[in-house]
Amino acid sequence: MRFRRVLAALCAAVVLAASVTACGDQAEDTGADDEPALAPLVVGTLPTEDALPLWAAEERGMFADAGLPGVEIVTFQSAQERDTAFAAGEIDAFMGDIIAAAQLESSQISVTIATVMLGATPEQGRFGVVAAPESGYNDLAALAGVPVGTSSNTIQEYVLDGMMEQSGVAPEDIVKEEVDKVPVRFDLVMNGQLAAAALPEPLLSLAEAQGATVLADDTSGENLSQTVLVFSDAYLADPGGIETMTVLLEVWDQAVGLVNEDPDAWRDTLVEKARLPEPIKDTYVISTYPEHQTPSREQVEQVLSWMEEKDLLRDPVTYEDLVLVTP
């Protein structure tokens, strides 16, 4: 915790220094050349829409314009591959979720959640449960005792549990069928081999377009899931690490402005980078992205409580362990 307090104080100092510099056209040179140089950065992502502002910044040369010496975005095909690379120090930050961050922190790989990338509001980053075409299921309550395809110990299972609870399904009546790979899960439910399945976007929209029934999604009611940008504390402790994170978040905000202003301008990028399916590539509703902000205490602690109930944390993890609380 002492390191976390020092890190928080340093981040606050960097933000203050940036504010002073931005407002200090009339100020004399105070030795800024002595500040740590910005550091190269490798960010790991998955091929999903969550990372669109990062790809937009890359395409428009915004990293270089901001003075970042080298930002490399590496796309992984699975969260397991991404986490393995992060643990090995091959990437410095990654797009993931609070569960992934907490599992790393609990395993003595210290991390910092820098910002919410998608999910600051319920409308961002739709996730839902679909019933197979012609299955006859019309609401989540009807799935009490019915196996639902999902993946265990993931944000998808967490959201599924939350939506089922909101629909009045008792925990003992929530039955899950393990199907780790989302494309396989999609195929099984569309072929009627699964009665229902939990799906993220864009496969949720594709399933709906091809005849599946969306029983519920998380765009209304409680905000259940957030995609977050997670940094290695070891990276932040190196010279220039905190400064680089601060500048990256400024670039994120600029890229968010570009995407939100004209989402359709980035449709081809989504098709290429996020594997937006051909049948819905022209109709898929591109999300609105948030400017940088940390997840709330309530959002994090609800996830941590769920993980504790499922015995997923080797050591206890707190909000302060994951999110910088600046003085």
Protein backbone atom coordinates (compact mmCIF):
# COMPACT_ATOMS: atom_id res chain seq x y z
CA MET A 1 0.00 0.00 0.00
CA ARG A 2 2.94 2.35 0.59
CA PHE A 3 3.91 2.03 -3.08
CA ARG A 4 0.32 2.80 -4.06
CA ARG A 5 0.34 5.99 -2.00
CA VAL A 6 3.62 7.09 -3.58
CA LEU A 7 2.28 6.26 -7.04
CA ALA A 8 -0.90 8.24 -6.41
CA ALA A 9 1.09 11.23 -5.21
CA LEU A 10 3.34 11.09 -8.26
CA CYS A 11 0.33 10.90 -10.61
CA ALA A 12 -1.22 13.91 -8.91
CA ALA A 13 2.04 15.80 -9.29
CA VAL A 14 2.25 14.94 -12.99
CA VAL A 15 -1.31 16.11 -13.61
CA LEU A 16 -0.62 19.33 -11.70
CA ALA A 17 2.57 19.94 -13.65
CA ALA A 18 0.71 19.40 -16.93
CA SER A 19 -1.93 21.92 -15.87
CA VAL A 20 0.67 24.48 -14.92
CA THR A 21 2.49 23.97 -18.23
CA ALA A 22 -0.75 24.35 -20.20
CA CYS A 23 -1.51 27.64 -18.46
CA GLY A 24 2.02 28.93 -18.26
CA ASP A 25 2.68 30.71 -21.53
CA GLN A 26 4.01 33.67 -19.55
CA ALA A 27 6.03 31.58 -17.13
CA GLU A 28 9.78 31.25 -17.31
CA ASP A 29 11.52 27.99 -18.11
CA THR A 30 11.69 26.07 -14.83
CA GLY A 31 13.86 23.21 -15.95
CA ALA A 32 11.29 21.01 -17.65
CA ASP A 33 14.15 19.39 -19.58
CA ASP A 34 15.05 17.63 -16.33
CA GLU A 35 11.71 15.80 -16.27
CA PRO A 36 11.77 12.09 -17.22
CA ALA A 37 11.42 11.47 -20.94
CA LEU A 38 8.27 9.76 -22.14
CA ALA A 39 8.72 6.02 -22.46
CA PRO A 40 7.86 3.58 -25.26
CA LEU A 41 4.61 1.72 -24.58
CA VAL A 42 3.16 -1.59 -25.77
CA VAL A 43 -0.60 -1.99 -25.28
CA GLY A 44 -2.35 -5.33 -25.65
CA THR A 45 -5.92 -5.48 -26.91
CA LEU A 46 -8.48 -8.03 -28.05
CA PRO A 47 -10.16 -7.76 -31.47
CA THR A 48 -13.27 -6.04 -30.10
CA GLU A 49 -14.87 -2.62 -30.44
CA ASP A 50 -13.62 -1.53 -27.00
CA ALA A 51 -10.25 -0.49 -28.43
CA LEU A 52 -11.59 1.65 -31.30
CA PRO A 53 -10.29 5.01 -29.95
CA LEU A 54 -6.79 3.50 -29.64
CA TRP A 55 -6.89 2.37 -33.26
CA ALA A 56 -8.26 5.76 -34.31
CA ALA A 57 -5.35 7.48 -32.53
CA GLU A 58 -2.91 5.14 -34.24
CA GLU A 59 -4.41 5.77 -37.70
CA ARG A 60 -4.35 9.55 -37.28
CA GLY A 61 -0.80 9.69 -35.89
CA MET A 62 -2.03 11.16 -32.63
CA PHE A 63 0.50 9.34 -30.47
CA ALA A 64 3.43 10.87 -32.32
CA ASP A 65 1.73 14.28 -32.36
CA ALA A 66 1.51 14.11 -28.55
CA GLY A 67 5.22 13.39 -28.26
CA LEU A 68 4.92 9.72 -27.35
CA PRO A 69 8.12 8.09 -28.63
CA GLY A 70 6.51 4.84 -29.65
CA VAL A 71 3.12 3.28 -28.93
CA GLU A 72 2.61 -0.23 -30.26
CA ILE A 73 -0.86 -1.82 -30.17
CA VAL A 74 -0.74 -5.61 -30.18
CA THR A 75 -3.92 -7.60 -30.80
CA PHE A 76 -4.35 -10.95 -29.06
CA GLN A 77 -6.92 -13.55 -30.03
CA SER A 78 -7.78 -14.51 -26.45
CA ALA A 79 -7.66 -13.04 -22.96
CA GLN A 80 -5.43 -15.94 -21.88
CA GLU A 81 -2.80 -15.05 -24.50
CA ARG A 82 -3.02 -11.39 -23.48
CA ASP A 83 -2.62 -12.12 -19.77
CA THR A 84 0.32 -14.45 -20.40
CA ALA A 85 2.08 -11.73 -22.38
CA PHE A 86 1.37 -9.17 -19.67
CA ALA A 87 2.69 -11.43 -16.89
CA ALA A 88 5.84 -12.04 -18.96
CA GLY A 89 6.41 -8.29 -19.38
CA GLU A 90 5.90 -8.41 -23.15
CA ILE A 91 3.21 -5.71 -22.95
CA ASP A 92 3.04 -2.75 -20.57
CA ALA A 93 -0.72 -2.22 -20.49
CA PHE A 94 -3.81 -4.01 -21.73
CA MET A 95 -7.47 -3.65 -22.55
CA GLY A 96 -9.40 -5.93 -20.22
CA ASP A 97 -11.88 -5.95 -17.38
CA ILE A 98 -11.92 -5.52 -13.63
CA ILE A 99 -11.88 -9.29 -13.07
CA ALA A 100 -8.66 -9.68 -15.07
CA ALA A 101 -7.05 -6.77 -13.20
CA ALA A 102 -8.07 -8.16 -9.80
CA GLN A 103 -6.79 -11.64 -10.63
CA LEU A 104 -3.39 -10.23 -11.56
CA GLU A 105 -3.26 -8.06 -8.44
CA SER A 106 -4.20 -11.05 -6.30
CA SER A 107 -1.37 -13.04 -7.92
CA GLN A 108 1.20 -10.42 -6.87
CA ILE A 109 1.40 -8.83 -10.32
CA SER A 110 0.62 -5.25 -9.32
CA VAL A 111 -1.53 -3.25 -11.71
CA THR A 112 -3.32 0.07 -11.96
CA ILE A 113 -6.64 0.65 -13.72
CA ALA A 114 -6.05 3.88 -15.64
CA THR A 115 -9.47 4.42 -17.21
CA VAL A 116 -12.77 2.96 -18.28
CA MET A 117 -12.65 2.36 -22.04
CA LEU A 118 -16.26 1.28 -22.45
CA GLY A 119 -19.08 0.89 -19.94
CA ALA A 120 -19.01 4.20 -18.12
CA THR A 121 -22.79 4.12 -18.65
CA PRO A 122 -25.05 1.08 -19.10
CA GLU A 123 -25.62 1.92 -22.78
CA GLN A 124 -21.96 1.42 -23.64
CA GLY A 125 -20.74 -2.05 -24.61
CA ARG A 126 -23.94 -4.11 -24.86
CA PHE A 127 -23.89 -7.65 -23.47
CA GLY A 128 -26.90 -9.92 -23.43
CA VAL A 129 -28.49 -13.35 -23.38
CA VAL A 130 -30.12 -14.79 -26.49
CA ALA A 131 -32.47 -17.74 -26.91
CA ALA A 132 -32.03 -20.04 -29.87
CA PRO A 133 -34.27 -19.35 -32.88
CA GLU A 134 -37.67 -21.03 -32.46
CA SER A 135 -36.81 -22.07 -28.89
CA GLY A 136 -39.93 -20.43 -27.50
CA TYR A 137 -38.13 -18.63 -24.66
CA ASN A 138 -39.17 -15.00 -24.30
CA ASP A 139 -37.60 -13.75 -21.04
CA LEU A 140 -34.78 -14.53 -18.66
CA ALA A 141 -37.10 -15.80 -15.94
CA ALA A 142 -38.06 -18.65 -18.26
CA LEU A 143 -34.41 -19.81 -18.19
CA ALA A 144 -34.58 -20.88 -14.53
CA GLY A 145 -33.09 -24.38 -14.55
CA VAL A 146 -32.19 -24.16 -18.27
CA PRO A 147 -28.48 -24.40 -19.21
CA VAL A 148 -27.11 -21.13 -20.59
CA GLY A 149 -23.86 -21.15 -22.51
CA THR A 150 -21.14 -18.97 -20.99
CA SER A 151 -17.54 -19.09 -19.73
CA SER A 152 -16.76 -19.58 -16.06
CA ASN A 153 -14.98 -17.08 -13.83
CA THR A 154 -15.17 -14.31 -16.42
CA ILE A 155 -16.86 -10.95 -16.80
CA GLN A 156 -19.41 -12.72 -19.00
CA GLU A 157 -20.43 -15.00 -16.16
CA TYR A 158 -20.52 -12.02 -13.79
CA VAL A 159 -22.88 -10.10 -16.07
CA LEU A 160 -25.02 -13.20 -16.66
CA ASP A 161 -25.40 -13.69 -12.90
CA GLY A 162 -26.31 -10.03 -12.47
CA MET A 163 -28.95 -10.03 -15.20
CA MET A 164 -30.49 -13.29 -13.98
CA GLU A 165 -30.67 -11.88 -10.45
CA GLN A 166 -32.34 -8.72 -11.77
CA SER A 167 -34.91 -10.96 -13.50
CA GLY A 168 -35.75 -12.72 -10.24
CA VAL A 169 -33.99 -16.01 -10.94
CA ALA A 170 -32.66 -17.57 -7.73
CA PRO A 171 -28.92 -18.34 -7.74
CA GLU A 172 -29.58 -22.07 -7.35
CA ASP A 173 -31.72 -21.98 -10.51
CA ILE A 174 -29.02 -20.43 -12.69
CA VAL A 175 -27.59 -23.30 -14.72
CA LYS A 176 -24.52 -22.74 -16.89
CA GLU A 177 -23.01 -24.74 -19.69
CA GLU A 178 -19.31 -24.15 -20.16
CA VAL A 179 -18.45 -22.96 -23.68
CA ASP A 180 -15.29 -20.85 -23.44
CA LYS A 181 -14.98 -19.72 -27.05
CA VAL A 182 -17.57 -17.08 -27.91
CA PRO A 183 -17.77 -17.94 -31.67
CA VAL A 184 -18.41 -21.59 -30.78
CA ARG A 185 -21.07 -20.52 -28.30
CA PHE A 186 -22.69 -18.42 -31.01
CA ASP A 187 -22.77 -21.33 -33.44
CA LEU A 188 -24.23 -23.72 -30.86
CA VAL A 189 -27.11 -21.44 -29.92
CA MET A 190 -27.88 -20.55 -33.52
CA ASN A 191 -27.95 -24.26 -34.43
CA GLY A 192 -30.25 -25.04 -31.51
CA GLN A 193 -27.63 -27.11 -29.69
CA LEU A 194 -27.83 -24.62 -26.83
CA ALA A 195 -31.18 -23.29 -25.64
CA ALA A 196 -29.61 -19.97 -24.71
CA ALA A 197 -26.23 -18.27 -24.57
CA ALA A 198 -24.56 -15.19 -23.14
CA LEU A 199 -23.00 -13.13 -25.94
CA PRO A 200 -21.09 -9.84 -26.19
CA GLU A 201 -21.29 -7.48 -29.12
CA PRO A 202 -21.09 -7.72 -32.08
CA LEU A 203 -22.20 -11.37 -31.98
CA LEU A 204 -25.23 -10.35 -29.93
CA SER A 205 -26.46 -8.13 -32.77
CA LEU A 206 -25.57 -10.78 -35.35
CA ALA A 207 -27.57 -13.43 -33.46
CA GLU A 208 -30.56 -11.10 -33.28
CA ALA A 209 -30.31 -10.32 -37.00
CA GLN A 210 -30.30 -14.03 -37.79
CA GLY A 211 -33.38 -14.95 -35.79
CA ALA A 212 -32.31 -15.41 -32.16
CA THR A 213 -34.35 -13.70 -29.43
CA VAL A 214 -32.54 -11.24 -27.17
CA LEU A 215 -34.01 -12.03 -23.76
CA ALA A 216 -32.17 -9.27 -21.91
CA ASP A 217 -29.16 -7.03 -22.18
CA ASP A 218 -27.26 -4.79 -19.79
CA THR A 219 -28.02 -1.45 -21.45
CA SER A 220 -30.65 -0.57 -18.87
CA GLY A 221 -30.77 -0.90 -15.12
CA GLU A 222 -27.58 -1.53 -13.19
CA ASN A 223 -24.30 -0.90 -14.99
CA LEU A 224 -22.74 -4.34 -14.79
CA SER A 225 -19.59 -4.34 -16.89
CA GLN A 226 -16.71 -2.06 -17.77
CA THR A 227 -13.81 -2.51 -20.14
CA VAL A 228 -10.75 -0.90 -18.60
CA LEU A 229 -7.20 0.05 -19.53
CA VAL A 230 -4.78 -1.58 -17.10
CA PHE A 231 -1.12 -0.61 -16.59
CA SER A 232 1.68 -2.59 -15.02
CA ASP A 233 2.85 -0.90 -11.82
CA ALA A 234 6.38 -1.96 -12.74
CA TYR A 235 6.07 0.10 -15.93
CA LEU A 236 4.66 3.08 -14.03
CA ALA A 237 7.55 2.90 -11.56
CA ASP A 238 10.13 3.24 -14.34
CA PRO A 239 11.30 6.72 -15.43
CA GLY A 240 8.72 8.29 -17.70
CA GLY A 241 6.07 5.65 -17.03
CA ILE A 242 3.56 7.81 -15.20
CA GLU A 243 4.14 10.70 -17.59
CA THR A 244 3.51 8.41 -20.56
CA MET A 245 0.26 7.13 -19.04
CA THR A 246 -0.87 10.72 -18.45
CA VAL A 247 -0.20 11.74 -22.05
CA LEU A 248 -1.84 8.56 -23.38
CA LEU A 249 -5.02 9.39 -21.49
CA GLU A 250 -5.01 12.86 -23.03
CA VAL A 251 -4.71 11.26 -26.48
CA TRP A 252 -7.51 8.86 -25.57
CA ASP A 253 -9.81 11.81 -24.90
CA GLN A 254 -8.93 13.39 -28.24
CA ALA A 255 -9.56 10.10 -30.08
CA VAL A 256 -12.85 9.62 -28.25
CA GLY A 257 -13.90 13.01 -29.54
CA LEU A 258 -13.11 11.96 -33.12
CA VAL A 259 -14.99 8.68 -32.90
CA ASN A 260 -18.02 10.10 -31.12
CA GLU A 261 -18.28 12.99 -33.57
CA ASP A 262 -18.49 10.71 -36.62
CA PRO A 263 -18.81 7.02 -35.67
CA ASP A 264 -19.47 5.86 -39.24
CA ALA A 265 -16.09 7.20 -40.33
CA TRP A 266 -14.54 4.38 -38.29
CA ARG A 267 -16.76 1.54 -39.52
CA ASP A 268 -14.09 0.13 -41.85
CA THR A 269 -11.63 0.15 -38.95
CA LEU A 270 -14.05 -1.91 -36.89
CA VAL A 271 -14.53 -4.36 -39.75
CA GLU A 272 -10.77 -4.78 -40.08
CA LYS A 273 -9.62 -4.64 -36.48
CA ALA A 274 -12.61 -5.89 -34.49
CA ARG A 275 -13.89 -8.53 -36.93
CA LEU A 276 -17.26 -6.84 -37.34
CA PRO A 277 -19.30 -9.55 -39.11
CA GLU A 278 -20.14 -8.98 -42.76
CA PRO A 279 -23.96 -9.35 -42.39
CA ILE A 280 -24.16 -6.42 -39.95
CA LYS A 281 -21.17 -4.32 -40.95
CA ASP A 282 -23.36 -1.59 -42.46
CA THR A 283 -26.05 -1.55 -39.76
CA TYR A 284 -24.16 -2.19 -36.52
CA VAL A 285 -24.59 0.68 -34.07
CA ILE A 286 -21.12 1.91 -33.06
CA SER A 287 -20.83 2.70 -29.39
CA THR A 288 -20.28 6.08 -27.80
CA TYR A 289 -17.00 6.13 -25.87
CA PRO A 290 -16.24 7.87 -22.56
CA GLU A 291 -13.45 10.32 -21.90
CA HIS A 292 -10.94 8.94 -19.43
CA GLN A 293 -12.25 8.22 -15.96
CA THR A 294 -11.60 5.58 -13.34
CA PRO A 295 -14.30 3.05 -12.43
CA SER A 296 -16.31 3.91 -9.35
CA ARG A 297 -15.76 2.27 -5.99
CA GLU A 298 -19.19 0.62 -6.27
CA GLN A 299 -18.41 -0.87 -9.68
CA VAL A 300 -15.12 -2.34 -8.51
CA GLU A 301 -16.31 -3.57 -5.14
CA GLN A 302 -19.31 -5.37 -6.63
CA VAL A 303 -16.97 -7.31 -8.91
CA LEU A 304 -14.58 -8.06 -6.04
CA SER A 305 -17.44 -9.33 -3.86
CA TRP A 306 -18.56 -11.68 -6.64
CA MET A 307 -15.00 -12.95 -7.04
CA GLU A 308 -14.67 -13.53 -3.30
CA GLU A 309 -17.90 -15.54 -3.27
CA LYS A 310 -16.50 -17.73 -6.06
CA ASP A 311 -13.10 -18.01 -4.35
CA LEU A 312 -11.31 -16.48 -7.34
CA LEU A 313 -8.87 -14.31 -5.37
CA ARG A 314 -5.73 -15.88 -3.93
CA ASP A 315 -5.19 -12.81 -1.72
CA PRO A 316 -7.71 -10.10 -0.83
CA VAL A 317 -7.89 -7.14 -3.23
CA THR A 318 -9.36 -3.71 -2.47
CA TYR A 319 -10.46 -0.74 -4.56
CA GLU A 320 -7.32 1.11 -3.44
CA ASP A 321 -5.18 -1.76 -4.72
CA LEU A 322 -6.52 -1.32 -8.24
CA VAL A 323 -7.45 2.33 -8.65
CA LEU A 324 -5.29 5.35 -7.86
CA VAL A 325 -6.97 7.48 -5.22
CA THR A 326 -5.06 10.75 -5.52
CA PRO A 327 -4.61 13.07 -2.54
